[in-house]
Structure formats: C-alpha cells, structure tokens
Amino acid sequence: MIQKAVEVHEVLTRYIQIHNDVFKSSIQRVIPIPGIFQSMDYGKHHSDLTELTNELEALISGAVSDDEFAGALREYAQALFQTISSLRDICGKLYEKSQGDLNSYPKSQYEADLAKYHSYERTYQALGERLNQYFR
C-alpha cells in the first residue's frame, strides 16, 4: 500500500506543477507585449491533466485493501481525482475559448467553475492532512 501512496504522491506533484503554471502571475502574462508575451497552453494542460486522471483512476481501482490507511488513501485519491478533473475541465474550456470562440466560456461560468475547483482543492488538502497523520 505504501507503493500506491508513492504513486499518488507522484500524481500530486505533477498536478501541482500544472496548477502553479495555470495560476501563477507573470508580468509577461499581465502585459501582453508582442514578441515577449507568453500565452498559456491550455490544450497541453488539458491533455496532461487527462493523463493524471487516468493514472489516478487506475490507482483508485487497484487499491483493494480494507485497512484504515488504504481507506484514507482511497478517499484522498478520489478527492484529488475530483480536483484534477475540475481543473482539466476548466483548462479544456479555456482552450476552446483561446481558439477563437470568445463566447464559449463566459466569465460568470468561469468564476463558478473556479469556486467549485477551490472547494475540491480544500477537500483534498484536508484529507491529505489526515493521511499525513498515518506517516507520523
């Protein structure tokens, strides 16, 4: 079961890198200077997040032990899956919008999706704290 925890942690690490890239504030993104402006590759993030959800899904279905730690790990992985899926959906919609369909993802919908994403994020983080207690 420790190996499963390590694999879930690896997924978490890759997810955090994507999260940081999507939400980081960069002067190059704030001030779009031609030739210097660096656009966000939402399509690649969507693809990478899809890969992570597939990996987590396999890990969740493969965790069959019934001990307390396994249950906590499964619950954490499911919450992380929900969080990553939410960010994947946001990136997918932003990618569509970046392809020229400016009306495809209204700001109000983005804000609602973002609020839901942050709610999922808080849930997986709280479950992560609980899971960390098993390692202490």
Protein backbone atom coordinates (compact mmCIF):
# COMPACT_ATOMS: atom_id res chain seq x y z
CA MET A 1 0.00 0.00 0.00
CA ILE A 2 2.98 2.31 0.56
CA GLN A 3 3.81 1.96 -3.14
CA LYS A 4 0.29 3.19 -4.00
CA ALA A 5 0.83 6.18 -1.72
CA VAL A 6 4.09 6.98 -3.51
CA GLU A 7 2.34 6.77 -6.89
CA VAL A 8 -0.48 9.04 -5.70
CA HIS A 9 2.15 11.49 -4.43
CA GLU A 10 3.83 11.48 -7.85
CA VAL A 11 0.49 12.34 -9.47
CA LEU A 12 0.02 15.10 -6.88
CA THR A 13 3.46 16.55 -7.64
CA ARG A 14 2.76 16.72 -11.38
CA TYR A 15 -0.71 18.19 -10.76
CA ILE A 16 0.76 20.93 -8.53
CA GLN A 17 3.21 21.89 -11.28
CA ILE A 18 0.31 22.35 -13.70
CA HIS A 19 -1.78 24.19 -11.09
CA ASN A 20 1.12 26.57 -10.43
CA ASP A 21 1.59 27.22 -14.13
CA VAL A 22 -2.10 27.92 -14.69
CA PHE A 23 -2.48 30.25 -11.71
CA LYS A 24 0.94 31.89 -11.49
CA SER A 25 1.08 35.59 -12.04
CA SER A 26 3.63 36.63 -14.58
CA ILE A 27 4.38 40.10 -15.85
CA GLN A 28 4.61 38.57 -19.34
CA ARG A 29 1.02 37.36 -18.99
CA VAL A 30 -0.27 40.58 -17.40
CA ILE A 31 1.25 42.89 -20.02
CA PRO A 32 0.92 41.28 -23.47
CA ILE A 33 3.98 42.69 -25.25
CA PRO A 34 4.23 41.38 -28.84
CA GLY A 35 7.16 39.00 -29.25
CA ILE A 36 7.53 38.68 -25.49
CA PHE A 37 4.02 37.64 -24.48
CA GLN A 38 3.90 34.03 -23.40
CA SER A 39 0.47 32.51 -23.90
CA MET A 40 -0.89 29.73 -21.74
CA ASP A 41 -1.01 26.31 -23.40
CA TYR A 42 -4.40 25.23 -22.06
CA GLY A 43 -4.58 22.41 -24.61
CA LYS A 44 -1.40 20.81 -23.24
CA HIS A 45 -2.55 21.29 -19.67
CA HIS A 46 -5.89 19.68 -20.52
CA SER A 47 -4.08 16.72 -22.07
CA ASP A 48 -1.66 16.37 -19.13
CA LEU A 49 -4.49 16.59 -16.60
CA THR A 50 -6.43 13.93 -18.53
CA GLU A 51 -3.39 11.67 -18.24
CA LEU A 52 -3.23 12.31 -14.49
CA THR A 53 -6.92 11.50 -14.01
CA ASN A 54 -6.43 8.25 -15.92
CA GLU A 55 -3.49 7.32 -13.69
CA LEU A 56 -5.43 8.16 -10.53
CA GLU A 57 -8.45 6.20 -11.72
CA ALA A 58 -6.24 3.13 -12.16
CA LEU A 59 -4.68 3.64 -8.72
CA ILE A 60 -8.08 4.02 -7.07
CA SER A 61 -9.49 0.89 -8.68
CA GLY A 62 -6.30 -1.03 -7.81
CA ALA A 63 -6.44 -0.14 -4.10
CA VAL A 64 -8.33 -3.14 -2.75
CA SER A 65 -7.02 -3.44 0.81
CA ASP A 66 -9.56 -2.79 3.55
CA ASP A 67 -7.29 -1.46 6.29
CA GLU A 68 -7.72 2.06 7.65
CA PHE A 69 -4.73 3.51 5.81
CA ALA A 70 -5.94 2.09 2.48
CA GLY A 71 -9.36 3.63 3.06
CA ALA A 72 -7.85 7.02 3.83
CA LEU A 73 -5.59 6.80 0.77
CA ARG A 74 -8.52 5.84 -1.46
CA GLU A 75 -10.62 8.73 -0.11
CA TYR A 76 -7.74 11.16 -0.65
CA ALA A 77 -7.09 9.86 -4.18
CA GLN A 78 -10.78 10.24 -5.05
CA ALA A 79 -10.80 13.84 -3.79
CA LEU A 80 -7.60 14.55 -5.72
CA PHE A 81 -9.19 12.96 -8.80
CA GLN A 82 -12.20 15.28 -8.46
CA THR A 83 -9.91 18.31 -8.08
CA ILE A 84 -7.76 17.42 -11.08
CA SER A 85 -10.86 16.67 -13.18
CA SER A 86 -12.26 20.08 -12.31
CA LEU A 87 -9.06 21.87 -13.37
CA ARG A 88 -8.92 19.71 -16.51
CA ASP A 89 -12.45 20.84 -17.43
CA ILE A 90 -11.57 24.49 -16.83
CA CYS A 91 -8.44 24.18 -18.99
CA GLY A 92 -10.49 22.48 -21.73
CA LYS A 93 -13.00 25.32 -21.78
CA LEU A 94 -10.24 27.94 -21.73
CA TYR A 95 -8.52 26.15 -24.60
CA GLU A 96 -11.72 26.29 -26.66
CA LYS A 97 -12.03 29.98 -25.87
CA SER A 98 -8.38 30.57 -26.83
CA GLN A 99 -9.09 29.04 -30.23
CA GLY A 100 -11.30 32.00 -31.11
CA ASP A 101 -14.74 31.16 -29.70
CA LEU A 102 -14.79 34.04 -27.23
CA ASN A 103 -18.40 33.42 -26.20
CA SER A 104 -17.85 29.74 -25.41
CA TYR A 105 -16.87 30.26 -21.77
CA PRO A 106 -18.47 33.30 -20.10
CA LYS A 107 -16.70 34.89 -17.15
CA SER A 108 -19.58 34.05 -14.83
CA GLN A 109 -19.29 30.35 -15.68
CA TYR A 110 -15.51 30.50 -15.24
CA GLU A 111 -15.91 32.08 -11.80
CA ALA A 112 -18.46 29.42 -10.78
CA ASP A 113 -16.18 26.64 -12.04
CA LEU A 114 -13.22 28.21 -10.24
CA ALA A 115 -15.16 28.40 -6.95
CA LYS A 116 -16.07 24.71 -7.29
CA TYR A 117 -12.44 23.87 -8.10
CA HIS A 118 -11.20 25.69 -5.00
CA SER A 119 -13.78 23.82 -2.91
CA TYR A 120 -12.47 20.50 -4.24
CA GLU A 121 -8.95 21.70 -3.59
CA ARG A 122 -9.72 22.41 0.07
CA THR A 123 -11.27 18.94 0.43
CA TYR A 124 -8.27 17.04 -0.94
CA GLN A 125 -5.92 19.16 1.17
CA ALA A 126 -7.88 18.40 4.35
CA LEU A 127 -7.87 14.70 3.52
CA GLY A 128 -4.15 14.96 2.84
CA GLU A 129 -3.60 16.28 6.36
CA ARG A 130 -5.46 13.27 7.70
CA LEU A 131 -3.43 10.93 5.52
CA ASN A 132 -0.17 12.53 6.70
CA GLN A 133 -1.06 11.55 10.26
CA TYR A 134 -0.58 7.92 9.26
CA PHE A 135 3.02 8.70 8.33
CA ARG A 136 3.81 10.45 11.62
